[in-house]
Amino acid sequence: MLISDLETPAVVVDLDIMDRNLARMAGYCREHQLLLRPHTKTHKIPELAKRQIASGATGITVAKLGEAEVVLGAGITDMLIAYPIVGPKKTTRLAQLAERANITVSLDSEEVARGLSEATTKIGVLIELDVGFGRCGISNEADVLALARKIVELRGLEFRGLMFFPGHFGVAPDERAAMRMQVNDFLKRTLEVLSDAGLPASIVSGGSTPTAYEGSLFFGVNEVRPGT
């Protein structure tokens, strides 16, 4: 088939370029000893997610339960759901997923944590930090510690660490450097508070498209979630 034979509009992917991009991202993560958990919300294609895993990703990130159900149906069993799951219908679906896959979720409130605990018997939890984007997350290390303590008390929940989304970093490199100093100060304080309380974070998950190749510059980060 010639490209001129395609009906428009059509999505066309240059596989050589795509594979080169996948290899480049995976290579950066290997070089800097970062786990790679790319976000699939930008492509929503299970076959591409499988290629990302084959190139070196440890698992994937999804935005919502529907995406998690689709990729699990395609055989992918290690995923992070990056937005809080709220309400009994959704937590029931999550519990069903957790019976068949290694699921981690992010949250930023005790309310969400209690809902998850009531619905499931095995789920990993990351506390989301607000590092300046102002969408979700906790912006005070004392509040992070208080929530972590609640999580470890709740049945079925395993506190695994922290996540954050520097979505406001789509600026010039010198501006990003100044913003990163503030984020790193917050990360350092938070990790120290958790460690002192006997609740060390085994996962510190960061990353965004603008910072895809800057994951190693964030304090304590050992996993990145690039999107586009």
Protein backbone atom coordinates (compact mmCIF):
# COMPACT_ATOMS: atom_id res chain seq x y z
CA MET A 1 0.00 0.00 0.00
CA LEU A 2 1.13 3.53 -0.77
CA ILE A 3 0.60 6.34 1.69
CA SER A 4 -1.48 8.04 -1.00
CA ASP A 5 -3.92 5.11 -0.82
CA LEU A 6 -4.90 5.88 2.77
CA GLU A 7 -8.22 7.50 3.54
CA THR A 8 -7.80 10.70 5.50
CA PRO A 9 -7.58 11.54 8.31
CA ALA A 10 -5.18 8.71 9.18
CA VAL A 11 -2.56 8.12 11.84
CA VAL A 12 0.81 7.18 10.38
CA VAL A 13 3.74 6.01 12.48
CA ASP A 14 7.32 5.72 11.23
CA LEU A 15 8.35 2.53 13.04
CA ASP A 16 12.08 3.16 12.66
CA ILE A 17 11.80 6.58 14.30
CA MET A 18 9.50 5.23 17.00
CA ASP A 19 11.87 2.37 17.89
CA ARG A 20 14.79 4.80 17.95
CA ASN A 21 12.91 7.06 20.37
CA LEU A 22 12.00 4.10 22.61
CA ALA A 23 15.62 2.95 22.66
CA ARG A 24 16.87 6.45 23.46
CA MET A 25 14.57 6.86 26.46
CA ALA A 26 15.36 3.39 27.78
CA GLY A 27 19.07 4.03 27.32
CA TYR A 28 18.90 7.24 29.34
CA CYS A 29 17.16 5.41 32.18
CA ARG A 30 19.69 2.57 32.17
CA GLU A 31 22.55 5.05 32.22
CA HIS A 32 21.12 6.85 35.24
CA GLN A 33 19.73 3.77 37.03
CA LEU A 34 16.13 4.91 36.75
CA LEU A 35 13.11 2.66 36.42
CA LEU A 36 11.10 3.54 33.34
CA ARG A 37 7.31 3.57 33.58
CA PRO A 38 6.03 5.47 30.51
CA HIS A 39 2.57 6.99 30.46
CA THR A 40 0.28 5.38 27.91
CA LYS A 41 -2.43 8.04 28.01
CA THR A 42 -0.78 9.75 25.05
CA HIS A 43 -0.99 6.80 22.66
CA LYS A 44 -3.54 4.37 24.21
CA ILE A 45 -2.12 1.51 22.12
CA PRO A 46 -1.38 -1.76 23.94
CA GLU A 47 1.00 -2.91 21.21
CA LEU A 48 3.07 0.25 21.65
CA ALA A 49 3.06 -0.26 25.43
CA LYS A 50 4.43 -3.75 24.84
CA ARG A 51 7.18 -2.26 22.68
CA GLN A 52 8.02 0.17 25.48
CA ILE A 53 8.34 -2.73 27.92
CA ALA A 54 10.42 -4.73 25.45
CA SER A 55 12.77 -1.76 25.08
CA GLY A 56 13.38 -1.59 28.83
CA ALA A 57 10.36 -0.23 30.69
CA THR A 58 9.63 -1.97 33.99
CA GLY A 59 5.90 -1.37 33.57
CA ILE A 60 3.53 1.33 32.42
CA THR A 61 1.52 4.22 33.76
CA VAL A 62 -2.16 4.72 32.94
CA ALA A 63 -4.49 7.58 33.70
CA LYS A 64 -7.67 5.71 34.59
CA LEU A 65 -9.28 2.34 35.20
CA GLY A 66 -10.51 1.96 31.63
CA GLU A 67 -6.96 2.17 30.31
CA ALA A 68 -5.77 -0.27 32.98
CA GLU A 69 -8.44 -2.78 31.95
CA VAL A 70 -7.47 -2.53 28.28
CA VAL A 71 -3.74 -3.02 28.84
CA LEU A 72 -4.35 -5.88 31.28
CA GLY A 73 -6.49 -7.52 28.62
CA ALA A 74 -3.47 -7.26 26.33
CA GLY A 75 -1.32 -9.09 28.87
CA ILE A 76 0.46 -6.20 30.62
CA THR A 77 0.38 -6.82 34.36
CA ASP A 78 2.57 -4.15 36.00
CA MET A 79 1.02 -0.70 36.09
CA LEU A 80 0.63 2.52 38.01
CA ILE A 81 -2.74 4.28 37.94
CA ALA A 82 -1.71 7.90 38.26
CA TYR A 83 -4.96 9.53 39.38
CA PRO A 84 -6.91 8.88 42.61
CA ILE A 85 -9.63 6.22 42.42
CA VAL A 86 -12.77 7.44 44.18
CA GLY A 87 -16.15 5.81 44.74
CA PRO A 88 -17.32 2.22 45.38
CA LYS A 89 -17.93 1.35 41.72
CA LYS A 90 -14.41 2.30 40.74
CA THR A 91 -12.76 0.76 43.79
CA THR A 92 -14.57 -2.51 43.07
CA ARG A 93 -13.20 -2.50 39.52
CA LEU A 94 -9.77 -1.72 40.91
CA ALA A 95 -9.98 -4.66 43.31
CA GLN A 96 -10.78 -6.96 40.40
CA LEU A 97 -7.73 -5.67 38.52
CA ALA A 98 -5.51 -6.12 41.57
CA GLU A 99 -6.39 -9.82 41.68
CA ARG A 100 -4.76 -10.27 38.26
CA ALA A 101 -1.97 -7.69 38.15
CA ASN A 102 0.62 -5.78 40.16
CA ILE A 103 -1.21 -2.50 40.64
CA THR A 104 0.03 0.68 42.29
CA VAL A 105 -2.16 3.74 42.69
CA SER A 106 -1.47 7.32 43.64
CA LEU A 107 -3.51 9.31 46.12
CA ASP A 108 -3.38 12.48 48.18
CA SER A 109 -6.05 12.04 50.84
CA GLU A 110 -7.11 9.75 53.67
CA GLU A 111 -10.60 9.58 52.15
CA VAL A 112 -9.27 7.89 49.02
CA ALA A 113 -7.03 5.59 51.05
CA ARG A 114 -9.95 4.40 53.20
CA GLY A 115 -12.06 3.73 50.12
CA LEU A 116 -9.32 1.60 48.62
CA SER A 117 -8.79 -0.27 51.87
CA GLU A 118 -12.47 -1.18 52.08
CA ALA A 119 -12.48 -2.57 48.54
CA THR A 120 -9.24 -4.46 48.07
CA THR A 121 -6.79 -6.67 49.91
CA LYS A 122 -3.57 -5.93 48.02
CA ILE A 123 -2.69 -2.60 46.46
CA GLY A 124 0.47 -0.50 46.41
CA VAL A 125 0.18 3.18 47.19
CA LEU A 126 2.22 6.22 46.24
CA ILE A 127 1.46 9.55 47.88
CA GLU A 128 1.30 12.31 45.29
CA LEU A 129 3.17 15.51 45.99
CA ASP A 130 2.19 18.90 44.61
CA VAL A 131 5.54 20.32 43.49
CA GLY A 132 4.06 23.48 42.02
CA PHE A 133 1.67 22.44 39.27
CA GLY A 134 -1.33 22.92 41.55
CA ARG A 135 -3.48 20.08 40.25
CA CYS A 136 -3.26 17.15 42.66
CA GLY A 137 -1.00 16.31 45.55
CA ILE A 138 0.21 17.41 48.98
CA SER A 139 2.53 20.39 49.31
CA ASN A 140 3.66 19.98 52.92
CA GLU A 141 5.97 17.24 54.23
CA ALA A 142 4.18 17.06 57.58
CA ASP A 143 0.91 16.28 55.82
CA VAL A 144 2.67 13.66 53.68
CA LEU A 145 3.94 11.94 56.83
CA ALA A 146 0.50 12.03 58.45
CA LEU A 147 -1.06 10.40 55.39
CA ALA A 148 1.71 7.78 55.15
CA ARG A 149 1.03 6.80 58.75
CA LYS A 150 -2.67 6.40 57.98
CA ILE A 151 -1.91 4.26 54.92
CA VAL A 152 0.24 1.75 56.82
CA GLU A 153 -2.56 1.34 59.35
CA LEU A 154 -5.16 0.48 56.73
CA ARG A 155 -5.82 -3.10 55.69
CA GLY A 156 -4.73 -4.10 52.21
CA LEU A 157 -2.62 -1.01 51.48
CA GLU A 158 1.15 -1.06 51.06
CA PHE A 159 2.92 2.30 51.27
CA ARG A 160 5.51 2.22 48.48
CA GLY A 161 6.63 5.83 48.23
CA LEU A 162 6.01 9.10 46.45
CA MET A 163 5.14 10.44 43.04
CA PHE A 164 4.98 13.89 41.53
CA PHE A 165 4.27 15.53 38.20
CA PRO A 166 6.29 18.64 37.29
CA GLY A 167 3.77 19.61 34.65
CA HIS A 168 4.67 23.28 34.96
CA PHE A 169 8.23 22.66 33.73
CA GLY A 170 7.44 23.42 30.09
CA VAL A 171 9.66 26.50 30.22
CA ALA A 172 13.19 27.46 29.18
CA PRO A 173 16.07 25.37 30.64
CA ASP A 174 17.31 28.13 32.97
CA GLU A 175 13.82 28.57 34.41
CA ARG A 176 13.52 24.79 34.85
CA ALA A 177 16.80 24.75 36.76
CA ALA A 178 15.53 27.33 39.25
CA MET A 179 12.20 25.52 39.65
CA ARG A 180 14.00 22.20 40.11
CA MET A 181 15.91 23.60 43.10
CA GLN A 182 12.60 24.27 44.87
CA VAL A 183 11.27 20.81 44.00
CA ASN A 184 14.45 19.14 45.20
CA ASP A 185 14.30 20.98 48.50
CA PHE A 186 10.74 19.71 49.03
CA LEU A 187 11.70 16.17 48.01
CA LYS A 188 14.69 16.15 50.35
CA ARG A 189 12.66 17.38 53.31
CA THR A 190 9.88 14.89 52.66
CA LEU A 191 12.16 11.89 52.24
CA GLU A 192 14.04 12.78 55.42
CA VAL A 193 10.81 13.11 57.42
CA LEU A 194 9.57 9.74 56.17
CA SER A 195 12.89 8.03 56.83
CA ASP A 196 13.11 9.45 60.36
CA ALA A 197 9.64 8.07 61.04
CA GLY A 198 10.60 4.59 59.86
CA LEU A 199 8.59 4.90 56.65
CA PRO A 200 11.21 5.08 53.90
CA ALA A 201 10.00 5.55 50.33
CA SER A 202 11.18 2.68 48.14
CA ILE A 203 9.82 4.43 45.03
CA VAL A 204 10.14 8.10 44.16
CA SER A 205 8.38 8.46 40.84
CA GLY A 206 8.73 11.65 38.85
CA GLY A 207 8.85 12.78 35.30
CA SER A 208 6.94 14.52 32.58
CA THR A 209 7.46 15.13 28.90
CA PRO A 210 9.42 18.41 29.40
CA THR A 211 11.69 16.71 31.97
CA ALA A 212 11.97 13.34 30.22
CA TYR A 213 15.76 13.54 30.04
CA GLU A 214 16.21 15.31 33.37
CA GLY A 215 14.91 12.63 35.72
CA SER A 216 18.35 12.08 37.22
CA LEU A 217 18.49 15.73 38.31
CA PHE A 218 15.62 15.37 40.80
CA PHE A 219 16.55 14.45 44.38
CA GLY A 220 15.84 10.82 45.27
CA VAL A 221 13.97 9.98 42.07
CA ASN A 222 14.40 6.36 40.98
CA GLU A 223 11.51 6.07 38.51
CA VAL A 224 10.32 8.31 35.66
CA ARG A 225 7.04 8.49 33.75
CA PRO A 226 7.60 10.27 30.43
CA GLY A 227 4.53 10.80 28.29
CA THR A 228 4.76 12.22 24.79
